[in-house]
Amino acid sequence: MNHRPLSFDDLDRRIVAALVENARTSFTEIGAAIGLSATAVKRRVDRLREDGVITGFTTTVRPSALGWRTEAYVEVYCEGAAPPRRLAEVVRDYPEIMAAMTVTGGADALLHVRARDVEHFEEVLERIRTEPFIRKTISYMVLSHLLTASPEAGAAQAAPADPAAGGSATGTL
C-alpha cells in the first residue's frame, strides 16, 4: 500500500458515493454523472484503491434469504485483560458472528450475531461462553431495524422495475 498523502477532491468523493450506492455502477455511468470520461474515472478509482481509500467491493445479501432470521448484539465481558488479538482469534471461528469490535464502557467487546432461530442463537451463545477467558455475556435481541437501508439491516438497493418481467426486483438477494 502506498503511504503518500492522500489527494481527495470533490470528484473523488462523488465517485466514491456512486460506488457506495451501487458498486456495480460502470465507469461510463459514473463519468456521465460527474462530467469525466470512463478512462478518467478508472484512473481515479485505481488511485483510490492504491491509496487505500477504496478497500474492496461487496455484495449486500438479505440475511433471511440465507436462513438467518434471528439477530442479536452480545456484550462480552472478559476475565482480566483479554487482548484484542485473542478475541479476534475466537470470533473468527464463528460464521454466525457478522461483526466484532472492542468497545469502551463496561463490556470488553460487542458482537453482532445472526442465527437461524432463537435455538441456534442460544447454541452460539453457549459456545462463546465456554471460552475460558469470557466471564459473562449480555445479549440484546433485535426486534426490528429502524434504519432499514443500513447494511446491518441487510438492506438491498432496489433495482428499477422491469416491465417485461412483470414487476420489480432487488439489486441483491
N, C-alpha and C. Protein backbone atom coordinates (compact mmCIF):
# COMPACT_ATOMS: atom_id res chain seq x y z
N MET A 1 0.84 -1.17 0.00
CA MET A 1 0.00 0.00 0.00
C MET A 1 0.88 1.23 0.00
N ASN A 2 0.48 2.24 -0.70
CA ASN A 2 1.21 3.49 -0.81
C ASN A 2 0.88 4.36 0.40
N HIS A 3 1.87 5.04 0.97
CA HIS A 3 1.65 5.86 2.16
C HIS A 3 1.86 7.35 1.89
N ARG A 4 1.77 7.76 0.64
CA ARG A 4 1.89 9.19 0.34
C ARG A 4 0.61 9.90 0.81
N PRO A 5 0.68 11.22 1.03
CA PRO A 5 -0.51 11.95 1.45
C PRO A 5 -1.62 11.79 0.41
N LEU A 6 -2.85 11.63 0.91
CA LEU A 6 -3.97 11.41 0.02
C LEU A 6 -4.43 12.70 -0.63
N SER A 7 -4.68 12.61 -1.93
CA SER A 7 -5.29 13.70 -2.67
C SER A 7 -6.72 13.26 -2.92
N PHE A 8 -7.67 13.93 -2.29
CA PHE A 8 -9.06 13.50 -2.33
C PHE A 8 -9.92 14.73 -2.57
N ASP A 9 -10.41 14.89 -3.79
CA ASP A 9 -11.19 16.09 -4.13
C ASP A 9 -12.67 15.75 -4.28
N ASP A 10 -13.44 16.75 -4.70
CA ASP A 10 -14.89 16.58 -4.84
C ASP A 10 -15.24 15.49 -5.85
N LEU A 11 -14.49 15.40 -6.95
CA LEU A 11 -14.77 14.34 -7.94
C LEU A 11 -14.54 12.96 -7.33
N ASP A 12 -13.49 12.82 -6.53
CA ASP A 12 -13.24 11.55 -5.84
C ASP A 12 -14.40 11.22 -4.90
N ARG A 13 -14.87 12.22 -4.18
CA ARG A 13 -16.00 12.00 -3.26
C ARG A 13 -17.23 11.53 -4.03
N ARG A 14 -17.48 12.14 -5.17
CA ARG A 14 -18.65 11.77 -5.98
C ARG A 14 -18.50 10.37 -6.56
N ILE A 15 -17.29 10.00 -6.95
CA ILE A 15 -17.03 8.64 -7.45
C ILE A 15 -17.27 7.63 -6.32
N VAL A 16 -16.71 7.91 -5.16
CA VAL A 16 -16.88 7.00 -4.02
C VAL A 16 -18.37 6.90 -3.66
N ALA A 17 -19.08 8.01 -3.64
CA ALA A 17 -20.51 7.98 -3.32
C ALA A 17 -21.27 7.12 -4.31
N ALA A 18 -20.95 7.22 -5.59
CA ALA A 18 -21.62 6.41 -6.61
C ALA A 18 -21.33 4.93 -6.39
N LEU A 19 -20.09 4.60 -6.04
CA LEU A 19 -19.73 3.20 -5.83
C LEU A 19 -20.33 2.65 -4.53
N VAL A 20 -20.45 3.50 -3.52
CA VAL A 20 -21.08 3.06 -2.27
C VAL A 20 -22.55 2.77 -2.52
N GLU A 21 -23.19 3.60 -3.31
CA GLU A 21 -24.60 3.38 -3.62
C GLU A 21 -24.80 2.10 -4.42
N ASN A 22 -23.92 1.86 -5.39
CA ASN A 22 -24.01 0.65 -6.20
C ASN A 22 -22.62 0.34 -6.74
N ALA A 23 -21.95 -0.63 -6.15
CA ALA A 23 -20.57 -0.96 -6.53
C ALA A 23 -20.45 -1.48 -7.95
N ARG A 24 -21.57 -1.81 -8.57
CA ARG A 24 -21.55 -2.32 -9.94
C ARG A 24 -21.76 -1.22 -10.99
N THR A 25 -21.87 0.03 -10.55
CA THR A 25 -22.02 1.13 -11.48
C THR A 25 -20.78 1.19 -12.38
N SER A 26 -21.00 1.30 -13.67
CA SER A 26 -19.87 1.31 -14.60
C SER A 26 -19.14 2.65 -14.54
N PHE A 27 -17.89 2.61 -14.95
CA PHE A 27 -17.11 3.85 -15.02
C PHE A 27 -17.75 4.82 -16.00
N THR A 28 -18.35 4.31 -17.05
CA THR A 28 -19.04 5.16 -18.03
C THR A 28 -20.21 5.88 -17.38
N GLU A 29 -21.01 5.15 -16.60
CA GLU A 29 -22.16 5.76 -15.93
C GLU A 29 -21.72 6.81 -14.91
N ILE A 30 -20.69 6.49 -14.14
CA ILE A 30 -20.18 7.45 -13.16
C ILE A 30 -19.65 8.68 -13.86
N GLY A 31 -18.86 8.46 -14.92
CA GLY A 31 -18.30 9.58 -15.67
C GLY A 31 -19.37 10.49 -16.22
N ALA A 32 -20.43 9.91 -16.77
CA ALA A 32 -21.53 10.72 -17.32
C ALA A 32 -22.18 11.55 -16.23
N ALA A 33 -22.29 11.00 -15.03
CA ALA A 33 -22.93 11.72 -13.94
C ALA A 33 -22.08 12.85 -13.38
N ILE A 34 -20.76 12.71 -13.47
CA ILE A 34 -19.90 13.73 -12.83
C ILE A 34 -19.06 14.53 -13.82
N GLY A 35 -19.21 14.24 -15.11
CA GLY A 35 -18.51 15.03 -16.13
C GLY A 35 -17.09 14.60 -16.41
N LEU A 36 -16.81 13.30 -16.30
CA LEU A 36 -15.49 12.77 -16.64
C LEU A 36 -15.64 11.63 -17.64
N SER A 37 -14.56 11.32 -18.33
CA SER A 37 -14.58 10.15 -19.22
C SER A 37 -14.47 8.89 -18.37
N ALA A 38 -14.88 7.76 -18.94
CA ALA A 38 -14.76 6.49 -18.23
C ALA A 38 -13.30 6.21 -17.88
N THR A 39 -12.38 6.56 -18.77
CA THR A 39 -10.95 6.34 -18.52
C THR A 39 -10.48 7.16 -17.32
N ALA A 40 -10.94 8.41 -17.23
CA ALA A 40 -10.55 9.26 -16.10
C ALA A 40 -11.11 8.71 -14.79
N VAL A 41 -12.33 8.20 -14.83
CA VAL A 41 -12.93 7.61 -13.64
C VAL A 41 -12.13 6.38 -13.22
N LYS A 42 -11.78 5.54 -14.19
CA LYS A 42 -10.99 4.33 -13.88
C LYS A 42 -9.66 4.70 -13.24
N ARG A 43 -8.98 5.70 -13.80
CA ARG A 43 -7.70 6.13 -13.23
C ARG A 43 -7.88 6.57 -11.77
N ARG A 44 -8.94 7.31 -11.52
CA ARG A 44 -9.19 7.77 -10.15
C ARG A 44 -9.53 6.61 -9.22
N VAL A 45 -10.35 5.68 -9.69
CA VAL A 45 -10.69 4.51 -8.86
C VAL A 45 -9.43 3.70 -8.58
N ASP A 46 -8.59 3.51 -9.58
CA ASP A 46 -7.33 2.78 -9.38
C ASP A 46 -6.47 3.48 -8.32
N ARG A 47 -6.39 4.80 -8.40
CA ARG A 47 -5.61 5.57 -7.41
C ARG A 47 -6.23 5.45 -6.03
N LEU A 48 -7.56 5.54 -5.95
CA LEU A 48 -8.23 5.43 -4.66
C LEU A 48 -8.04 4.04 -4.05
N ARG A 49 -7.98 3.01 -4.87
CA ARG A 49 -7.71 1.66 -4.38
C ARG A 49 -6.26 1.56 -3.90
N GLU A 50 -5.33 2.10 -4.70
CA GLU A 50 -3.91 2.07 -4.35
C GLU A 50 -3.65 2.83 -3.05
N ASP A 51 -4.37 3.94 -2.85
CA ASP A 51 -4.19 4.76 -1.65
C ASP A 51 -4.91 4.18 -0.43
N GLY A 52 -5.69 3.11 -0.64
CA GLY A 52 -6.39 2.51 0.48
C GLY A 52 -7.69 3.19 0.86
N VAL A 53 -8.14 4.12 0.02
CA VAL A 53 -9.43 4.77 0.28
C VAL A 53 -10.55 3.77 -0.03
N ILE A 54 -10.49 3.16 -1.19
CA ILE A 54 -11.42 2.08 -1.55
C ILE A 54 -10.70 0.78 -1.19
N THR A 55 -11.29 0.04 -0.27
CA THR A 55 -10.63 -1.18 0.22
C THR A 55 -11.21 -2.45 -0.38
N GLY A 56 -12.30 -2.34 -1.13
CA GLY A 56 -12.89 -3.51 -1.75
C GLY A 56 -14.28 -3.22 -2.25
N PHE A 57 -14.88 -4.20 -2.85
CA PHE A 57 -16.24 -4.11 -3.37
C PHE A 57 -17.01 -5.27 -2.78
N THR A 58 -18.29 -5.09 -2.53
CA THR A 58 -19.03 -6.12 -1.81
C THR A 58 -20.44 -6.26 -2.36
N THR A 59 -21.07 -7.33 -1.95
CA THR A 59 -22.47 -7.58 -2.27
C THR A 59 -23.25 -7.59 -0.97
N THR A 60 -24.39 -6.96 -0.95
CA THR A 60 -25.25 -6.97 0.22
C THR A 60 -26.31 -8.04 0.00
N VAL A 61 -26.44 -8.92 0.96
CA VAL A 61 -27.39 -10.03 0.87
C VAL A 61 -28.39 -9.91 2.01
N ARG A 62 -29.66 -10.08 1.70
CA ARG A 62 -30.70 -10.08 2.72
C ARG A 62 -30.48 -11.32 3.58
N PRO A 63 -30.16 -11.17 4.87
CA PRO A 63 -29.85 -12.33 5.72
C PRO A 63 -30.93 -13.40 5.73
N SER A 64 -32.19 -13.01 5.71
CA SER A 64 -33.26 -14.01 5.76
C SER A 64 -33.25 -14.90 4.53
N ALA A 65 -32.72 -14.42 3.40
CA ALA A 65 -32.63 -15.25 2.20
C ALA A 65 -31.64 -16.39 2.41
N LEU A 66 -30.73 -16.23 3.36
CA LEU A 66 -29.76 -17.27 3.67
C LEU A 66 -30.19 -18.10 4.88
N GLY A 67 -31.38 -17.81 5.39
CA GLY A 67 -31.89 -18.55 6.54
C GLY A 67 -31.52 -17.95 7.89
N TRP A 68 -30.91 -16.76 7.91
CA TRP A 68 -30.52 -16.11 9.17
C TRP A 68 -31.67 -15.18 9.57
N ARG A 69 -32.58 -15.66 10.40
CA ARG A 69 -33.78 -14.89 10.74
C ARG A 69 -33.72 -14.28 12.14
N THR A 70 -32.72 -14.64 12.93
CA THR A 70 -32.58 -14.12 14.28
C THR A 70 -31.30 -13.31 14.35
N GLU A 71 -31.39 -12.19 15.02
CA GLU A 71 -30.24 -11.28 15.10
C GLU A 71 -30.12 -10.75 16.52
N ALA A 72 -28.88 -10.60 16.98
CA ALA A 72 -28.65 -10.09 18.32
C ALA A 72 -27.30 -9.39 18.39
N TYR A 73 -27.16 -8.56 19.39
CA TYR A 73 -25.88 -7.97 19.74
C TYR A 73 -25.52 -8.52 21.11
N VAL A 74 -24.27 -8.91 21.27
CA VAL A 74 -23.83 -9.53 22.51
C VAL A 74 -22.66 -8.74 23.09
N GLU A 75 -22.85 -8.27 24.30
CA GLU A 75 -21.74 -7.66 25.03
C GLU A 75 -20.93 -8.79 25.64
N VAL A 76 -19.62 -8.73 25.51
CA VAL A 76 -18.73 -9.76 26.06
C VAL A 76 -17.86 -9.12 27.13
N TYR A 77 -17.86 -9.75 28.31
CA TYR A 77 -17.06 -9.31 29.44
C TYR A 77 -16.01 -10.37 29.69
N CYS A 78 -14.75 -9.96 29.72
CA CYS A 78 -13.64 -10.91 29.84
C CYS A 78 -13.07 -10.92 31.25
N GLU A 79 -12.48 -12.03 31.59
CA GLU A 79 -11.74 -12.19 32.84
C GLU A 79 -10.41 -11.50 32.64
N GLY A 80 -10.07 -10.55 33.47
CA GLY A 80 -8.80 -9.84 33.29
C GLY A 80 -8.81 -9.03 32.01
N ALA A 81 -7.62 -8.86 31.46
CA ALA A 81 -7.47 -8.07 30.24
C ALA A 81 -7.22 -9.00 29.05
N ALA A 82 -8.27 -9.45 28.41
CA ALA A 82 -8.11 -10.31 27.23
C ALA A 82 -7.65 -9.44 26.07
N PRO A 83 -6.53 -9.78 25.46
CA PRO A 83 -6.04 -8.95 24.37
C PRO A 83 -6.95 -9.04 23.15
N PRO A 84 -7.12 -7.93 22.42
CA PRO A 84 -7.98 -7.93 21.25
C PRO A 84 -7.62 -9.03 20.24
N ARG A 85 -6.34 -9.35 20.08
CA ARG A 85 -5.97 -10.39 19.11
C ARG A 85 -6.52 -11.75 19.53
N ARG A 86 -6.61 -12.00 20.85
CA ARG A 86 -7.18 -13.28 21.32
C ARG A 86 -8.68 -13.31 21.05
N LEU A 87 -9.36 -12.19 21.29
CA LEU A 87 -10.78 -12.11 20.97
C LEU A 87 -11.01 -12.31 19.47
N ALA A 88 -10.15 -11.72 18.66
CA ALA A 88 -10.26 -11.86 17.20
C ALA A 88 -10.11 -13.32 16.78
N GLU A 89 -9.19 -14.04 17.40
CA GLU A 89 -9.00 -15.46 17.09
C GLU A 89 -10.27 -16.25 17.38
N VAL A 90 -10.92 -15.95 18.48
CA VAL A 90 -12.13 -16.68 18.87
C VAL A 90 -13.28 -16.37 17.91
N VAL A 91 -13.52 -15.11 17.63
CA VAL A 91 -14.71 -14.77 16.83
C VAL A 91 -14.57 -15.22 15.38
N ARG A 92 -13.36 -15.39 14.89
CA ARG A 92 -13.17 -15.90 13.52
C ARG A 92 -13.72 -17.30 13.35
N ASP A 93 -13.84 -18.04 14.44
CA ASP A 93 -14.31 -19.42 14.39
C ASP A 93 -15.83 -19.54 14.35
N TYR A 94 -16.54 -18.43 14.34
CA TYR A 94 -18.00 -18.44 14.37
C TYR A 94 -18.55 -17.77 13.11
N PRO A 95 -19.08 -18.55 12.18
CA PRO A 95 -19.66 -17.92 10.98
C PRO A 95 -20.89 -17.08 11.32
N GLU A 96 -21.48 -17.30 12.48
CA GLU A 96 -22.66 -16.54 12.89
C GLU A 96 -22.32 -15.12 13.33
N ILE A 97 -21.06 -14.85 13.62
CA ILE A 97 -20.66 -13.52 14.07
C ILE A 97 -20.36 -12.67 12.84
N MET A 98 -21.22 -11.69 12.60
CA MET A 98 -21.11 -10.82 11.43
C MET A 98 -20.09 -9.71 11.64
N ALA A 99 -19.97 -9.24 12.87
CA ALA A 99 -19.02 -8.17 13.20
C ALA A 99 -18.65 -8.31 14.66
N ALA A 100 -17.44 -7.89 14.97
CA ALA A 100 -16.96 -7.93 16.35
C ALA A 100 -16.00 -6.77 16.55
N MET A 101 -16.14 -6.11 17.67
CA MET A 101 -15.26 -4.98 17.94
C MET A 101 -15.04 -4.83 19.43
N THR A 102 -13.86 -4.31 19.80
CA THR A 102 -13.65 -3.93 21.18
C THR A 102 -14.32 -2.58 21.37
N VAL A 103 -14.77 -2.33 22.60
CA VAL A 103 -15.55 -1.12 22.86
C VAL A 103 -15.13 -0.48 24.18
N THR A 104 -15.51 0.77 24.33
CA THR A 104 -15.33 1.44 25.62
C THR A 104 -16.53 1.11 26.49
N GLY A 105 -16.44 1.43 27.76
CA GLY A 105 -17.55 1.15 28.66
C GLY A 105 -17.27 -0.10 29.47
N GLY A 106 -18.32 -0.68 29.99
CA GLY A 106 -18.16 -1.85 30.86
C GLY A 106 -17.76 -3.11 30.12
N ALA A 107 -18.31 -3.32 28.94
CA ALA A 107 -18.01 -4.54 28.18
C ALA A 107 -16.64 -4.42 27.52
N ASP A 108 -16.04 -5.57 27.24
CA ASP A 108 -14.76 -5.59 26.53
C ASP A 108 -14.95 -5.64 25.02
N ALA A 109 -16.04 -6.27 24.59
CA ALA A 109 -16.28 -6.42 23.16
C ALA A 109 -17.77 -6.44 22.88
N LEU A 110 -18.13 -6.17 21.64
CA LEU A 110 -19.51 -6.23 21.19
C LEU A 110 -19.54 -7.08 19.93
N LEU A 111 -20.44 -8.06 19.91
CA LEU A 111 -20.57 -8.97 18.78
C LEU A 111 -21.92 -8.77 18.11
N HIS A 112 -21.94 -8.78 16.80
CA HIS A 112 -23.18 -8.76 16.02
C HIS A 112 -23.37 -10.19 15.53
N VAL A 113 -24.43 -10.84 16.00
CA VAL A 113 -24.64 -12.27 15.73
C VAL A 113 -25.93 -12.46 14.94
N ARG A 114 -25.86 -13.34 13.93
CA ARG A 114 -27.05 -13.77 13.19
C ARG A 114 -27.16 -15.28 13.33
N ALA A 115 -28.39 -15.76 13.43
CA ALA A 115 -28.62 -17.20 13.58
C ALA A 115 -29.91 -17.57 12.86
N ARG A 116 -30.10 -18.88 12.68
CA ARG A 116 -31.32 -19.36 12.01
C ARG A 116 -32.56 -19.03 12.83
N ASP A 117 -32.46 -19.24 14.14
CA ASP A 117 -33.60 -19.04 15.04
C ASP A 117 -33.05 -18.85 16.45
N VAL A 118 -33.93 -18.73 17.43
CA VAL A 118 -33.51 -18.48 18.80
C VAL A 118 -32.70 -19.65 19.34
N GLU A 119 -33.10 -20.87 18.99
CA GLU A 119 -32.36 -22.04 19.48
C GLU A 119 -30.92 -22.03 18.95
N HIS A 120 -30.77 -21.71 17.69
CA HIS A 120 -29.43 -21.63 17.09
C HIS A 120 -28.63 -20.52 17.78
N PHE A 121 -29.25 -19.37 18.01
CA PHE A 121 -28.56 -18.28 18.71
C PHE A 121 -28.11 -18.74 20.09
N GLU A 122 -28.97 -19.47 20.80
CA GLU A 122 -28.61 -19.95 22.13
C GLU A 122 -27.41 -20.89 22.07
N GLU A 123 -27.35 -21.75 21.05
CA GLU A 123 -26.20 -22.64 20.87
C GLU A 123 -24.91 -21.84 20.66
N VAL A 124 -24.99 -20.82 19.81
CA VAL A 124 -23.83 -19.97 19.54
C VAL A 124 -23.39 -19.28 20.82
N LEU A 125 -24.34 -18.74 21.56
CA LEU A 125 -24.04 -18.05 22.80
C LEU A 125 -23.37 -18.99 23.81
N GLU A 126 -23.86 -20.20 23.91
CA GLU A 126 -23.26 -21.17 24.83
C GLU A 126 -21.84 -21.52 24.41
N ARG A 127 -21.59 -21.65 23.12
CA ARG A 127 -20.21 -21.92 22.65
C ARG A 127 -19.30 -20.75 22.99
N ILE A 128 -19.79 -19.53 22.79
CA ILE A 128 -18.98 -18.34 23.12
C ILE A 128 -18.66 -18.35 24.62
N ARG A 129 -19.64 -18.66 25.43
CA ARG A 129 -19.47 -18.64 26.89
C ARG A 129 -18.48 -19.69 27.40
N THR A 130 -18.21 -20.71 26.60
CA THR A 130 -17.26 -21.74 27.05
C THR A 130 -15.81 -21.31 26.90
N GLU A 131 -15.57 -20.20 26.21
CA GLU A 131 -14.19 -19.72 26.11
C GLU A 131 -13.68 -19.40 27.51
N PRO A 132 -12.48 -19.86 27.86
CA PRO A 132 -12.01 -19.76 29.24
C PRO A 132 -11.87 -18.34 29.77
N PHE A 133 -11.66 -17.37 28.93
CA PHE A 133 -11.45 -16.00 29.42
C PHE A 133 -12.72 -15.16 29.42
N ILE A 134 -13.84 -15.72 29.01
CA ILE A 134 -15.09 -14.96 28.99
C ILE A 134 -15.81 -15.16 30.31
N ARG A 135 -16.02 -14.04 31.00
CA ARG A 135 -16.65 -14.05 32.32
C ARG A 135 -18.17 -14.06 32.21
N LYS A 136 -18.72 -13.20 31.32
CA LYS A 136 -20.17 -13.16 31.14
C LYS A 136 -20.50 -12.50 29.82
N THR A 137 -21.75 -12.67 29.41
CA THR A 137 -22.26 -12.01 28.21
C THR A 137 -23.62 -11.40 28.54
N ILE A 138 -23.96 -10.36 27.83
CA ILE A 138 -25.31 -9.79 27.89
C ILE A 138 -25.78 -9.66 26.46
N SER A 139 -26.96 -10.22 26.18
CA SER A 139 -27.47 -10.25 24.81
C SER A 139 -28.65 -9.31 24.63
N TYR A 140 -28.71 -8.74 23.43
CA TYR A 140 -29.82 -7.87 23.05
C TYR A 140 -30.36 -8.39 21.71
N MET A 141 -31.56 -8.96 21.73
CA MET A 141 -32.17 -9.46 20.50
C MET A 141 -32.72 -8.28 19.70
N VAL A 142 -32.49 -8.30 18.40
CA VAL A 142 -33.01 -7.26 17.52
C VAL A 142 -34.45 -7.60 17.18
N LEU A 143 -35.34 -6.65 17.43
CA LEU A 143 -36.75 -6.85 17.09
C LEU A 143 -37.06 -6.31 15.70
N SER A 144 -36.54 -5.11 15.41
CA SER A 144 -36.75 -4.53 14.08
C SER A 144 -35.65 -3.50 13.84
N HIS A 145 -35.44 -3.19 12.57
CA HIS A 145 -34.46 -2.18 12.18
C HIS A 145 -35.17 -0.87 11.93
N LEU A 146 -34.73 0.16 12.60
CA LEU A 146 -35.32 1.48 12.42
C LEU A 146 -34.77 2.17 11.18
N LEU A 147 -33.53 1.88 10.83
CA LEU A 147 -32.91 2.38 9.61
C LEU A 147 -32.80 1.20 8.65
N THR A 148 -33.85 0.96 7.90
CA THR A 148 -33.92 -0.24 7.08
C THR A 148 -32.97 -0.23 5.89
N ALA A 149 -32.41 0.92 5.56
CA ALA A 149 -31.47 1.00 4.44
C ALA A 149 -30.04 0.75 4.87
N SER A 150 -29.81 0.44 6.16
CA SER A 150 -28.45 0.24 6.65
C SER A 150 -27.94 -1.14 6.28
N PRO A 151 -26.61 -1.27 6.15
CA PRO A 151 -26.03 -2.59 5.88
C PRO A 151 -26.34 -3.60 6.99
N GLU A 152 -26.44 -3.14 8.24
CA GLU A 152 -26.76 -4.04 9.34
C GLU A 152 -28.12 -4.67 9.17
N ALA A 153 -29.03 -3.95 8.50
CA ALA A 153 -30.37 -4.47 8.26
C ALA A 153 -30.38 -5.43 7.07
N GLY A 154 -29.23 -5.57 6.40
CA GLY A 154 -29.19 -6.41 5.21
C GLY A 154 -29.92 -5.76 4.07
N ALA A 155 -29.86 -4.43 4.06
CA ALA A 155 -30.61 -3.67 3.05
C ALA A 155 -30.11 -3.98 1.66
N ALA A 156 -31.02 -3.99 0.75
CA ALA A 156 -30.70 -4.18 -0.67
C ALA A 156 -31.15 -2.95 -1.42
N GLN A 157 -30.32 -2.49 -2.29
CA GLN A 157 -30.67 -1.36 -3.15
C GLN A 157 -31.72 -1.85 -4.14
N ALA A 158 -32.85 -1.18 -4.20
CA ALA A 158 -33.90 -1.60 -5.13
C ALA A 158 -33.48 -1.32 -6.55
N ALA A 159 -33.71 -2.28 -7.41
CA ALA A 159 -33.43 -2.10 -8.84
C ALA A 159 -34.67 -1.53 -9.50
N PRO A 160 -34.50 -0.88 -10.64
CA PRO A 160 -35.67 -0.37 -11.33
C PRO A 160 -36.59 -1.52 -11.72
N ALA A 161 -37.88 -1.21 -11.78
CA ALA A 161 -38.85 -2.22 -12.18
C ALA A 161 -38.59 -2.64 -13.62
N ASP A 162 -38.74 -3.92 -13.88
CA ASP A 162 -38.58 -4.45 -15.23
C ASP A 162 -39.97 -4.79 -15.75
N PRO A 163 -40.54 -3.92 -16.59
CA PRO A 163 -41.89 -4.16 -17.06
C PRO A 163 -42.04 -5.49 -17.79
N ALA A 164 -40.99 -5.93 -18.47
CA ALA A 164 -41.06 -7.19 -19.21
C ALA A 164 -41.14 -8.38 -18.26
N ALA A 165 -40.58 -8.22 -17.06
CA ALA A 165 -40.60 -9.32 -16.11
C ALA A 165 -41.86 -9.30 -15.25
N GLY A 166 -42.65 -8.25 -15.41
CA GLY A 166 -43.90 -8.18 -14.67
C GLY A 166 -43.74 -7.75 -13.23
N GLY A 167 -42.80 -6.89 -12.93
CA GLY A 167 -42.68 -6.41 -11.56
C GLY A 167 -41.33 -5.82 -11.29
N SER A 168 -41.03 -5.74 -10.02
CA SER A 168 -39.76 -5.15 -9.63
C SER A 168 -38.85 -6.22 -9.07
N ALA A 169 -37.59 -5.87 -8.96
CA ALA A 169 -36.59 -6.78 -8.41
C ALA A 169 -35.67 -6.00 -7.52
N THR A 170 -34.92 -6.70 -6.70
CA THR A 170 -33.93 -6.01 -5.87
C THR A 170 -32.57 -6.19 -6.50
N GLY A 171 -31.68 -5.24 -6.20
CA GLY A 171 -30.34 -5.29 -6.77
C GLY A 171 -29.49 -6.43 -6.24
N THR A 172 -29.80 -6.89 -5.03
CA THR A 172 -29.07 -8.01 -4.44
C THR A 172 -30.10 -8.95 -3.83
N LEU A 173 -29.63 -10.06 -3.31
CA LEU A 173 -30.55 -11.03 -2.70
C LEU A 173 -31.34 -10.44 -1.58
